[in-house]
Amino acid sequence: MLYLIGGIVIFIAAHCLPMMVETRTRLIDRFGMITYQVGFALVSFLGLGLMVWGRGAMEFTEIWQPFGWSRIATIMLMFPAVLLVISAFGPQNSFRRILGHPMILGVELWAIAHLMVNGDLASILFFGAFFLWALVAFASASRRKPPVGGRGKFLNDIIFVAVAVVVYVGAIHSHEWFAGVSLAN
């Protein structure tokens, strides 16, 4: 459990830096943008790696048993989660213009979806940490840079939906490989 908790602390601490605008600005001024970004990425990957390793190493302790409908609800929630995360990248699109911070909202949906089907302590800590971080990050990001509203380019929207479909289907088929849980049954 120590690795999981340590990873959560490291990952969330790194991801709180954008919320601390003055501290982030001082770090960028002192070390430069590229060094800041590389350091941010390395610390984030360290935290994420410890979280994944710690979750996998923890003994299974069931806190609640998921409802029968949870699996279907999770599979349904994951498409919008994937679409939101993907729409945060690339050229302007309606998702980013209307929502402002689609990646954070996608992480929230991903975490909620996975909390519905995983009632063990390690999963609650892992996915719960992402969900709580995303709630705080969305509120903070919305204060710093609110959505501008309106519509993006329609063609970009279609491209993002198509890419999301490919990633979603690929994730379903490879879930056992990267997460250790088959979605086939």
N, C-alpha and C. Protein backbone atom coordinates (compact mmCIF):
# COMPACT_ATOMS: atom_id res chain seq x y z
N MET A 1 0.82 -1.19 0.00
CA MET A 1 0.00 0.00 0.00
C MET A 1 0.87 1.26 0.00
N LEU A 2 2.06 1.15 0.56
CA LEU A 2 2.96 2.29 0.66
C LEU A 2 3.33 2.84 -0.72
N TYR A 3 3.59 1.95 -1.69
CA TYR A 3 3.93 2.40 -3.04
C TYR A 3 2.75 3.12 -3.70
N LEU A 4 1.56 2.58 -3.51
CA LEU A 4 0.37 3.20 -4.09
C LEU A 4 0.15 4.59 -3.50
N ILE A 5 0.20 4.70 -2.20
CA ILE A 5 -0.01 6.00 -1.55
C ILE A 5 1.11 6.97 -1.91
N GLY A 6 2.35 6.50 -1.91
CA GLY A 6 3.46 7.36 -2.31
C GLY A 6 3.30 7.85 -3.74
N GLY A 7 2.91 6.96 -4.63
CA GLY A 7 2.66 7.34 -6.02
C GLY A 7 1.56 8.37 -6.15
N ILE A 8 0.49 8.18 -5.38
CA ILE A 8 -0.62 9.14 -5.40
C ILE A 8 -0.12 10.52 -4.96
N VAL A 9 0.63 10.55 -3.88
CA VAL A 9 1.15 11.83 -3.37
C VAL A 9 2.05 12.50 -4.41
N ILE A 10 2.97 11.74 -5.01
CA ILE A 10 3.89 12.31 -6.01
C ILE A 10 3.13 12.80 -7.24
N PHE A 11 2.22 11.97 -7.76
CA PHE A 11 1.48 12.32 -8.96
C PHE A 11 0.61 13.55 -8.74
N ILE A 12 -0.12 13.56 -7.64
CA ILE A 12 -1.03 14.69 -7.38
C ILE A 12 -0.23 15.96 -7.06
N ALA A 13 0.86 15.83 -6.33
CA ALA A 13 1.69 17.00 -6.04
C ALA A 13 2.19 17.64 -7.34
N ALA A 14 2.66 16.82 -8.27
CA ALA A 14 3.11 17.35 -9.57
C ALA A 14 1.96 18.02 -10.30
N HIS A 15 0.78 17.40 -10.26
CA HIS A 15 -0.35 17.93 -11.01
C HIS A 15 -1.05 19.10 -10.31
N CYS A 16 -0.61 19.41 -9.10
CA CYS A 16 -1.11 20.61 -8.42
C CYS A 16 -0.31 21.86 -8.82
N LEU A 17 0.87 21.65 -9.41
CA LEU A 17 1.70 22.80 -9.83
C LEU A 17 0.98 23.76 -10.77
N PRO A 18 0.24 23.28 -11.79
CA PRO A 18 -0.47 24.23 -12.64
C PRO A 18 -1.49 25.08 -11.88
N MET A 19 -1.99 24.56 -10.76
CA MET A 19 -2.94 25.33 -9.96
C MET A 19 -2.25 26.43 -9.16
N MET A 20 -0.96 26.26 -8.90
CA MET A 20 -0.18 27.24 -8.16
C MET A 20 0.58 28.10 -9.18
N VAL A 21 -0.11 29.04 -9.76
CA VAL A 21 0.39 29.80 -10.90
C VAL A 21 1.71 30.49 -10.60
N GLU A 22 1.82 31.14 -9.44
CA GLU A 22 3.06 31.87 -9.12
C GLU A 22 4.25 30.92 -8.98
N THR A 23 4.05 29.81 -8.30
CA THR A 23 5.12 28.83 -8.12
C THR A 23 5.55 28.26 -9.47
N ARG A 24 4.56 27.91 -10.29
CA ARG A 24 4.86 27.37 -11.62
C ARG A 24 5.64 28.40 -12.44
N THR A 25 5.21 29.64 -12.40
CA THR A 25 5.89 30.70 -13.16
C THR A 25 7.34 30.87 -12.68
N ARG A 26 7.55 30.83 -11.37
CA ARG A 26 8.91 30.96 -10.82
C ARG A 26 9.79 29.80 -11.29
N LEU A 27 9.24 28.59 -11.29
CA LEU A 27 10.01 27.43 -11.74
C LEU A 27 10.38 27.56 -13.23
N ILE A 28 9.43 28.00 -14.02
CA ILE A 28 9.69 28.18 -15.46
C ILE A 28 10.72 29.27 -15.68
N ASP A 29 10.60 30.38 -14.95
CA ASP A 29 11.57 31.47 -15.07
C ASP A 29 12.98 31.01 -14.67
N ARG A 30 13.04 30.19 -13.65
CA ARG A 30 14.34 29.76 -13.15
C ARG A 30 14.99 28.68 -14.02
N PHE A 31 14.19 27.69 -14.47
CA PHE A 31 14.76 26.55 -15.18
C PHE A 31 14.45 26.52 -16.67
N GLY A 32 13.51 27.33 -17.12
CA GLY A 32 13.10 27.33 -18.52
C GLY A 32 11.92 26.38 -18.74
N MET A 33 11.16 26.64 -19.79
CA MET A 33 9.94 25.88 -20.06
C MET A 33 10.23 24.41 -20.36
N ILE A 34 11.24 24.15 -21.17
CA ILE A 34 11.52 22.76 -21.55
C ILE A 34 11.95 21.95 -20.32
N THR A 35 12.84 22.49 -19.51
CA THR A 35 13.28 21.79 -18.30
C THR A 35 12.11 21.57 -17.36
N TYR A 36 11.25 22.58 -17.21
CA TYR A 36 10.05 22.43 -16.37
C TYR A 36 9.17 21.30 -16.90
N GLN A 37 8.91 21.28 -18.20
CA GLN A 37 8.05 20.25 -18.78
C GLN A 37 8.65 18.86 -18.65
N VAL A 38 9.94 18.74 -18.89
CA VAL A 38 10.60 17.43 -18.75
C VAL A 38 10.54 16.98 -17.29
N GLY A 39 10.85 17.89 -16.37
CA GLY A 39 10.77 17.55 -14.94
C GLY A 39 9.36 17.16 -14.53
N PHE A 40 8.39 17.92 -15.00
CA PHE A 40 6.98 17.62 -14.70
C PHE A 40 6.62 16.22 -15.21
N ALA A 41 7.03 15.91 -16.44
CA ALA A 41 6.72 14.60 -17.03
C ALA A 41 7.41 13.48 -16.25
N LEU A 42 8.68 13.66 -15.89
CA LEU A 42 9.41 12.61 -15.16
C LEU A 42 8.80 12.35 -13.79
N VAL A 43 8.48 13.42 -13.08
CA VAL A 43 7.86 13.25 -11.75
C VAL A 43 6.48 12.61 -11.89
N SER A 44 5.72 13.03 -12.90
CA SER A 44 4.39 12.45 -13.14
C SER A 44 4.49 10.96 -13.45
N PHE A 45 5.42 10.58 -14.32
CA PHE A 45 5.58 9.16 -14.66
C PHE A 45 6.06 8.35 -13.46
N LEU A 46 6.92 8.93 -12.64
CA LEU A 46 7.36 8.25 -11.42
C LEU A 46 6.14 7.99 -10.53
N GLY A 47 5.34 9.02 -10.31
CA GLY A 47 4.15 8.87 -9.47
C GLY A 47 3.18 7.86 -10.05
N LEU A 48 2.92 7.94 -11.35
CA LEU A 48 2.00 7.01 -11.99
C LEU A 48 2.54 5.58 -11.92
N GLY A 49 3.83 5.42 -12.16
CA GLY A 49 4.44 4.09 -12.09
C GLY A 49 4.31 3.48 -10.70
N LEU A 50 4.57 4.29 -9.67
CA LEU A 50 4.41 3.80 -8.31
C LEU A 50 2.95 3.45 -8.00
N MET A 51 2.03 4.26 -8.54
CA MET A 51 0.61 3.98 -8.32
C MET A 51 0.22 2.64 -8.95
N VAL A 52 0.61 2.44 -10.19
CA VAL A 52 0.26 1.21 -10.90
C VAL A 52 0.90 0.01 -10.21
N TRP A 53 2.17 0.13 -9.88
CA TRP A 53 2.88 -0.96 -9.22
C TRP A 53 2.26 -1.24 -7.85
N GLY A 54 2.02 -0.18 -7.09
CA GLY A 54 1.44 -0.33 -5.76
C GLY A 54 0.05 -0.94 -5.80
N ARG A 55 -0.76 -0.54 -6.78
CA ARG A 55 -2.11 -1.11 -6.91
C ARG A 55 -2.01 -2.60 -7.22
N GLY A 56 -1.12 -2.97 -8.13
CA GLY A 56 -0.96 -4.37 -8.49
C GLY A 56 -0.40 -5.22 -7.37
N ALA A 57 0.42 -4.63 -6.51
CA ALA A 57 1.06 -5.38 -5.43
C ALA A 57 0.18 -5.52 -4.19
N MET A 58 -0.86 -4.70 -4.10
CA MET A 58 -1.71 -4.75 -2.91
C MET A 58 -2.54 -6.02 -2.86
N GLU A 59 -2.72 -6.51 -1.66
CA GLU A 59 -3.60 -7.66 -1.45
C GLU A 59 -5.04 -7.22 -1.71
N PHE A 60 -5.83 -8.10 -2.31
CA PHE A 60 -7.22 -7.78 -2.64
C PHE A 60 -8.04 -7.70 -1.35
N THR A 61 -8.62 -6.53 -1.11
CA THR A 61 -9.50 -6.33 0.04
C THR A 61 -10.79 -5.72 -0.48
N GLU A 62 -11.85 -6.53 -0.52
CA GLU A 62 -13.12 -6.04 -1.06
C GLU A 62 -13.80 -5.11 -0.06
N ILE A 63 -14.19 -3.94 -0.54
CA ILE A 63 -14.93 -2.97 0.27
C ILE A 63 -16.41 -3.04 -0.10
N TRP A 64 -16.70 -3.11 -1.37
CA TRP A 64 -18.07 -3.32 -1.84
C TRP A 64 -18.06 -4.19 -3.08
N GLN A 65 -19.20 -4.80 -3.34
CA GLN A 65 -19.33 -5.63 -4.53
C GLN A 65 -20.09 -4.82 -5.58
N PRO A 66 -19.51 -4.67 -6.76
CA PRO A 66 -20.17 -3.88 -7.80
C PRO A 66 -21.53 -4.45 -8.18
N PHE A 67 -22.44 -3.56 -8.57
CA PHE A 67 -23.76 -3.97 -9.04
C PHE A 67 -23.63 -4.66 -10.39
N GLY A 68 -24.62 -5.47 -10.74
CA GLY A 68 -24.59 -6.20 -12.00
C GLY A 68 -24.54 -5.29 -13.22
N TRP A 69 -25.18 -4.14 -13.14
CA TRP A 69 -25.23 -3.21 -14.27
C TRP A 69 -23.96 -2.36 -14.40
N SER A 70 -23.09 -2.43 -13.44
CA SER A 70 -21.89 -1.58 -13.42
C SER A 70 -21.00 -1.77 -14.64
N ARG A 71 -20.85 -3.02 -15.05
CA ARG A 71 -19.95 -3.31 -16.19
C ARG A 71 -20.45 -2.62 -17.46
N ILE A 72 -21.74 -2.74 -17.73
CA ILE A 72 -22.31 -2.11 -18.93
C ILE A 72 -22.22 -0.59 -18.82
N ALA A 73 -22.53 -0.05 -17.66
CA ALA A 73 -22.45 1.40 -17.46
C ALA A 73 -21.02 1.90 -17.67
N THR A 74 -20.06 1.13 -17.18
CA THR A 74 -18.65 1.52 -17.34
C THR A 74 -18.26 1.54 -18.82
N ILE A 75 -18.64 0.49 -19.54
CA ILE A 75 -18.32 0.43 -20.96
C ILE A 75 -18.96 1.60 -21.71
N MET A 76 -20.18 1.98 -21.30
CA MET A 76 -20.85 3.10 -21.95
C MET A 76 -20.21 4.45 -21.60
N LEU A 77 -19.78 4.60 -20.36
CA LEU A 77 -19.14 5.86 -19.94
C LEU A 77 -17.76 6.05 -20.55
N MET A 78 -17.12 4.95 -20.89
CA MET A 78 -15.74 5.06 -21.37
C MET A 78 -15.63 5.71 -22.76
N PHE A 79 -16.65 5.58 -23.61
CA PHE A 79 -16.52 6.26 -24.90
C PHE A 79 -16.47 7.78 -24.73
N PRO A 80 -17.42 8.40 -24.00
CA PRO A 80 -17.27 9.85 -23.82
C PRO A 80 -15.99 10.23 -23.09
N ALA A 81 -15.53 9.38 -22.17
CA ALA A 81 -14.27 9.68 -21.47
C ALA A 81 -13.11 9.72 -22.46
N VAL A 82 -13.05 8.73 -23.34
CA VAL A 82 -11.99 8.68 -24.36
C VAL A 82 -12.11 9.89 -25.30
N LEU A 83 -13.31 10.18 -25.74
CA LEU A 83 -13.53 11.32 -26.64
C LEU A 83 -13.08 12.63 -25.99
N LEU A 84 -13.41 12.82 -24.73
CA LEU A 84 -13.02 14.06 -24.05
C LEU A 84 -11.50 14.18 -23.92
N VAL A 85 -10.84 13.09 -23.56
CA VAL A 85 -9.38 13.14 -23.42
C VAL A 85 -8.74 13.44 -24.77
N ILE A 86 -9.19 12.75 -25.82
CA ILE A 86 -8.61 12.95 -27.15
C ILE A 86 -8.87 14.36 -27.67
N SER A 87 -10.04 14.89 -27.38
CA SER A 87 -10.38 16.23 -27.90
C SER A 87 -9.56 17.34 -27.26
N ALA A 88 -8.84 17.03 -26.19
CA ALA A 88 -7.98 18.03 -25.55
C ALA A 88 -6.73 18.31 -26.37
N PHE A 89 -6.45 17.46 -27.36
CA PHE A 89 -5.24 17.58 -28.17
C PHE A 89 -5.60 17.98 -29.59
N GLY A 90 -4.67 18.61 -30.26
CA GLY A 90 -4.86 18.92 -31.67
C GLY A 90 -5.59 20.22 -31.92
N PRO A 91 -6.10 20.38 -33.15
CA PRO A 91 -6.71 21.64 -33.55
C PRO A 91 -8.03 21.91 -32.82
N GLN A 92 -8.47 23.14 -32.91
CA GLN A 92 -9.68 23.60 -32.22
C GLN A 92 -10.87 22.71 -32.55
N ASN A 93 -11.68 22.44 -31.54
CA ASN A 93 -12.88 21.63 -31.72
C ASN A 93 -13.95 22.10 -30.75
N SER A 94 -15.17 21.70 -30.99
CA SER A 94 -16.30 22.14 -30.16
C SER A 94 -16.18 21.67 -28.72
N PHE A 95 -15.64 20.48 -28.51
CA PHE A 95 -15.53 19.95 -27.16
C PHE A 95 -14.67 20.85 -26.28
N ARG A 96 -13.55 21.27 -26.82
CA ARG A 96 -12.64 22.14 -26.05
C ARG A 96 -13.23 23.54 -25.89
N ARG A 97 -13.84 24.06 -26.95
CA ARG A 97 -14.40 25.41 -26.87
C ARG A 97 -15.55 25.48 -25.87
N ILE A 98 -16.41 24.49 -25.85
CA ILE A 98 -17.58 24.52 -24.97
C ILE A 98 -17.22 24.13 -23.54
N LEU A 99 -16.42 23.09 -23.38
CA LEU A 99 -16.12 22.56 -22.05
C LEU A 99 -14.88 23.19 -21.42
N GLY A 100 -13.98 23.70 -22.23
CA GLY A 100 -12.78 24.34 -21.73
C GLY A 100 -11.66 23.37 -21.36
N HIS A 101 -11.97 22.34 -20.64
CA HIS A 101 -10.96 21.42 -20.13
C HIS A 101 -11.43 19.98 -20.28
N PRO A 102 -11.59 19.53 -21.52
CA PRO A 102 -12.16 18.20 -21.73
C PRO A 102 -11.32 17.05 -21.18
N MET A 103 -10.00 17.20 -21.15
CA MET A 103 -9.18 16.10 -20.63
C MET A 103 -9.48 15.85 -19.16
N ILE A 104 -9.61 16.90 -18.39
CA ILE A 104 -9.91 16.73 -16.96
C ILE A 104 -11.28 16.08 -16.78
N LEU A 105 -12.26 16.51 -17.58
CA LEU A 105 -13.59 15.90 -17.51
C LEU A 105 -13.53 14.43 -17.94
N GLY A 106 -12.71 14.12 -18.93
CA GLY A 106 -12.53 12.74 -19.36
C GLY A 106 -11.94 11.88 -18.25
N VAL A 107 -10.97 12.42 -17.51
CA VAL A 107 -10.37 11.69 -16.39
C VAL A 107 -11.43 11.45 -15.31
N GLU A 108 -12.29 12.45 -15.06
CA GLU A 108 -13.37 12.27 -14.08
C GLU A 108 -14.28 11.11 -14.49
N LEU A 109 -14.71 11.10 -15.76
CA LEU A 109 -15.57 10.01 -16.23
C LEU A 109 -14.87 8.66 -16.15
N TRP A 110 -13.60 8.62 -16.56
CA TRP A 110 -12.81 7.38 -16.50
C TRP A 110 -12.76 6.86 -15.07
N ALA A 111 -12.48 7.76 -14.12
CA ALA A 111 -12.37 7.35 -12.72
C ALA A 111 -13.72 6.87 -12.17
N ILE A 112 -14.78 7.60 -12.45
CA ILE A 112 -16.12 7.20 -11.98
C ILE A 112 -16.48 5.83 -12.56
N ALA A 113 -16.25 5.68 -13.86
CA ALA A 113 -16.58 4.41 -14.52
C ALA A 113 -15.84 3.25 -13.87
N HIS A 114 -14.57 3.45 -13.56
CA HIS A 114 -13.79 2.36 -12.98
C HIS A 114 -14.09 2.15 -11.50
N LEU A 115 -14.52 3.18 -10.80
CA LEU A 115 -14.94 3.00 -9.41
C LEU A 115 -16.22 2.16 -9.34
N MET A 116 -17.06 2.27 -10.36
CA MET A 116 -18.31 1.50 -10.38
C MET A 116 -18.07 0.00 -10.47
N VAL A 117 -17.00 -0.42 -11.13
CA VAL A 117 -16.77 -1.85 -11.34
C VAL A 117 -15.66 -2.42 -10.47
N ASN A 118 -15.04 -1.59 -9.66
CA ASN A 118 -13.94 -2.05 -8.81
C ASN A 118 -14.22 -1.63 -7.37
N GLY A 119 -14.60 -2.58 -6.55
CA GLY A 119 -14.91 -2.27 -5.16
C GLY A 119 -13.83 -2.65 -4.17
N ASP A 120 -12.62 -2.91 -4.66
CA ASP A 120 -11.53 -3.27 -3.76
C ASP A 120 -10.77 -2.02 -3.30
N LEU A 121 -10.10 -2.14 -2.18
CA LEU A 121 -9.42 -1.00 -1.57
C LEU A 121 -8.39 -0.36 -2.50
N ALA A 122 -7.58 -1.17 -3.15
CA ALA A 122 -6.54 -0.63 -4.03
C ALA A 122 -7.17 0.18 -5.16
N SER A 123 -8.24 -0.32 -5.75
CA SER A 123 -8.90 0.39 -6.85
C SER A 123 -9.57 1.67 -6.37
N ILE A 124 -10.15 1.60 -5.19
CA ILE A 124 -10.80 2.80 -4.63
C ILE A 124 -9.76 3.90 -4.42
N LEU A 125 -8.61 3.52 -3.87
CA LEU A 125 -7.54 4.51 -3.68
C LEU A 125 -7.02 5.03 -5.02
N PHE A 126 -6.77 4.13 -5.96
CA PHE A 126 -6.21 4.48 -7.27
C PHE A 126 -7.16 5.38 -8.06
N PHE A 127 -8.36 4.88 -8.34
CA PHE A 127 -9.31 5.65 -9.15
C PHE A 127 -9.89 6.82 -8.38
N GLY A 128 -10.07 6.64 -7.07
CA GLY A 128 -10.58 7.74 -6.25
C GLY A 128 -9.63 8.92 -6.22
N ALA A 129 -8.33 8.65 -6.19
CA ALA A 129 -7.34 9.74 -6.20
C ALA A 129 -7.44 10.54 -7.51
N PHE A 130 -7.56 9.83 -8.63
CA PHE A 130 -7.71 10.52 -9.91
C PHE A 130 -9.00 11.34 -9.94
N PHE A 131 -10.08 10.78 -9.42
CA PHE A 131 -11.36 11.50 -9.44
C PHE A 131 -11.28 12.76 -8.59
N LEU A 132 -10.77 12.65 -7.37
CA LEU A 132 -10.68 13.83 -6.50
C LEU A 132 -9.75 14.89 -7.10
N TRP A 133 -8.60 14.45 -7.65
CA TRP A 133 -7.70 15.40 -8.30
C TRP A 133 -8.43 16.11 -9.44
N ALA A 134 -9.15 15.36 -10.26
CA ALA A 134 -9.82 15.94 -11.43
C ALA A 134 -10.89 16.95 -11.01
N LEU A 135 -11.60 16.68 -9.92
CA LEU A 135 -12.59 17.66 -9.43
C LEU A 135 -11.92 18.98 -9.08
N VAL A 136 -10.84 18.90 -8.31
CA VAL A 136 -10.12 20.11 -7.90
C VAL A 136 -9.47 20.78 -9.11
N ALA A 137 -8.86 20.00 -9.98
CA ALA A 137 -8.18 20.55 -11.16
C ALA A 137 -9.16 21.25 -12.08
N PHE A 138 -10.35 20.69 -12.26
CA PHE A 138 -11.34 21.32 -13.15
C PHE A 138 -11.79 22.66 -12.59
N ALA A 139 -12.06 22.69 -11.29
CA ALA A 139 -12.48 23.95 -10.66
C ALA A 139 -11.37 25.00 -10.79
N SER A 140 -10.14 24.60 -10.52
CA SER A 140 -9.02 25.52 -10.61
C SER A 140 -8.78 25.99 -12.04
N ALA A 141 -8.79 25.06 -12.98
CA ALA A 141 -8.55 25.42 -14.38
C ALA A 141 -9.67 26.31 -14.92
N SER A 142 -10.89 26.06 -14.51
CA SER A 142 -12.01 26.88 -14.98
C SER A 142 -11.92 28.31 -14.45
N ARG A 143 -11.38 28.48 -13.24
CA ARG A 143 -11.18 29.84 -12.71
C ARG A 143 -10.07 30.56 -13.47
N ARG A 144 -9.00 29.82 -13.81
CA ARG A 144 -7.87 30.44 -14.51
C ARG A 144 -8.21 30.73 -15.97
N LYS A 145 -8.91 29.80 -16.61
CA LYS A 145 -9.20 29.94 -18.04
C LYS A 145 -10.57 29.32 -18.33
N PRO A 146 -11.64 30.13 -18.21
CA PRO A 146 -12.98 29.59 -18.44
C PRO A 146 -13.20 29.24 -19.91
N PRO A 147 -14.15 28.32 -20.18
CA PRO A 147 -14.45 27.97 -21.58
C PRO A 147 -14.88 29.22 -22.36
N VAL A 148 -14.57 29.25 -23.64
CA VAL A 148 -14.92 30.40 -24.46
C VAL A 148 -16.28 30.23 -25.13
N GLY A 149 -16.81 29.02 -25.13
CA GLY A 149 -18.12 28.77 -25.72
C GLY A 149 -18.06 28.74 -27.24
N GLY A 150 -19.21 28.60 -27.85
CA GLY A 150 -19.29 28.57 -29.31
C GLY A 150 -18.96 27.20 -29.86
N ARG A 151 -18.71 27.18 -31.13
CA ARG A 151 -18.42 25.92 -31.82
C ARG A 151 -17.03 25.97 -32.43
N GLY A 152 -16.42 24.81 -32.49
CA GLY A 152 -15.15 24.66 -33.17
C GLY A 152 -15.43 24.31 -34.62
N LYS A 153 -14.43 23.87 -35.31
CA LYS A 153 -14.60 23.46 -36.71
C LYS A 153 -15.26 22.09 -36.75
N PHE A 154 -16.34 21.99 -37.51
CA PHE A 154 -17.12 20.76 -37.58
C PHE A 154 -16.28 19.57 -38.06
N LEU A 155 -15.42 19.80 -39.04
CA LEU A 155 -14.57 18.72 -39.54
C LEU A 155 -13.65 18.19 -38.43
N ASN A 156 -13.10 19.09 -37.62
CA ASN A 156 -12.26 18.66 -36.50
C ASN A 156 -13.05 17.81 -35.52
N ASP A 157 -14.32 18.20 -35.27
CA ASP A 157 -15.17 17.42 -34.37
C ASP A 157 -15.34 15.99 -34.89
N ILE A 158 -15.59 15.87 -36.17
CA ILE A 158 -15.79 14.55 -36.78
C ILE A 158 -14.50 13.72 -36.69
N ILE A 159 -13.38 14.36 -36.95
CA ILE A 159 -12.09 13.66 -36.86
C ILE A 159 -11.85 13.17 -35.44
N PHE A 160 -12.13 14.00 -34.43
CA PHE A 160 -11.92 13.59 -33.04
C PHE A 160 -12.84 12.44 -32.66
N VAL A 161 -14.09 12.47 -33.13
CA VAL A 161 -15.01 11.36 -32.84
C VAL A 161 -14.49 10.08 -33.50
N ALA A 162 -14.03 10.17 -34.74
CA ALA A 162 -13.51 8.98 -35.43
C ALA A 162 -12.28 8.42 -34.72
N VAL A 163 -11.37 9.29 -34.32
CA VAL A 163 -10.17 8.83 -33.60
C VAL A 163 -10.59 8.21 -32.26
N ALA A 164 -11.55 8.81 -31.59
CA ALA A 164 -12.03 8.27 -30.31
C ALA A 164 -12.63 6.89 -30.48
N VAL A 165 -13.35 6.66 -31.56
CA VAL A 165 -13.93 5.34 -31.83
C VAL A 165 -12.81 4.31 -31.97
N VAL A 166 -11.77 4.66 -32.73
CA VAL A 166 -10.65 3.73 -32.94
C VAL A 166 -9.95 3.44 -31.61
N VAL A 167 -9.66 4.47 -30.83
CA VAL A 167 -8.98 4.29 -29.55
C VAL A 167 -9.86 3.48 -28.58
N TYR A 168 -11.15 3.79 -28.54
CA TYR A 168 -12.09 3.09 -27.66
C TYR A 168 -12.16 1.60 -27.99
N VAL A 169 -12.34 1.28 -29.26
CA VAL A 169 -12.40 -0.13 -29.68
C VAL A 169 -11.06 -0.81 -29.40
N GLY A 170 -9.95 -0.13 -29.69
CA GLY A 170 -8.63 -0.69 -29.40
C GLY A 170 -8.44 -0.94 -27.91
N ALA A 171 -8.91 -0.02 -27.08
CA ALA A 171 -8.77 -0.19 -25.62
C ALA A 171 -9.60 -1.36 -25.12
N ILE A 172 -10.78 -1.53 -25.68
CA ILE A 172 -11.62 -2.67 -25.27
C ILE A 172 -10.92 -3.98 -25.61
N HIS A 173 -10.37 -4.06 -26.81
CA HIS A 173 -9.73 -5.31 -27.25
C HIS A 173 -8.38 -5.57 -26.59
N SER A 174 -7.70 -4.52 -26.13
CA SER A 174 -6.38 -4.71 -25.52
C SER A 174 -6.39 -4.50 -24.01
N HIS A 175 -7.56 -4.33 -23.41
CA HIS A 175 -7.67 -4.03 -21.98
C HIS A 175 -6.99 -5.10 -21.13
N GLU A 176 -7.14 -6.36 -21.51
CA GLU A 176 -6.51 -7.43 -20.75
C GLU A 176 -4.99 -7.30 -20.77
N TRP A 177 -4.44 -6.87 -21.90
CA TRP A 177 -3.00 -6.72 -22.03
C TRP A 177 -2.45 -5.61 -21.14
N PHE A 178 -3.11 -4.42 -21.14
CA PHE A 178 -2.53 -3.32 -20.38
C PHE A 178 -3.11 -3.16 -18.97
N ALA A 179 -4.28 -3.78 -18.70
CA ALA A 179 -4.86 -3.64 -17.36
C ALA A 179 -5.04 -4.96 -16.62
N GLY A 180 -4.83 -6.06 -17.36
CA GLY A 180 -4.95 -7.35 -16.71
C GLY A 180 -6.36 -7.86 -16.54
N VAL A 181 -7.34 -7.17 -17.12
CA VAL A 181 -8.75 -7.56 -17.00
C VAL A 181 -9.34 -7.65 -18.38
N SER A 182 -9.88 -8.82 -18.73
CA SER A 182 -10.50 -9.02 -20.03
C SER A 182 -11.91 -8.45 -20.04
N LEU A 183 -12.25 -7.76 -21.12
CA LEU A 183 -13.61 -7.24 -21.28
C LEU A 183 -14.43 -8.11 -22.24
N ALA A 184 -13.88 -9.24 -22.62
CA ALA A 184 -14.52 -10.11 -23.61
C ALA A 184 -15.75 -10.81 -23.06
N ASN A 185 -15.77 -11.15 -21.77
CA ASN A 185 -16.92 -11.91 -21.27
C ASN A 185 -17.99 -11.04 -20.70
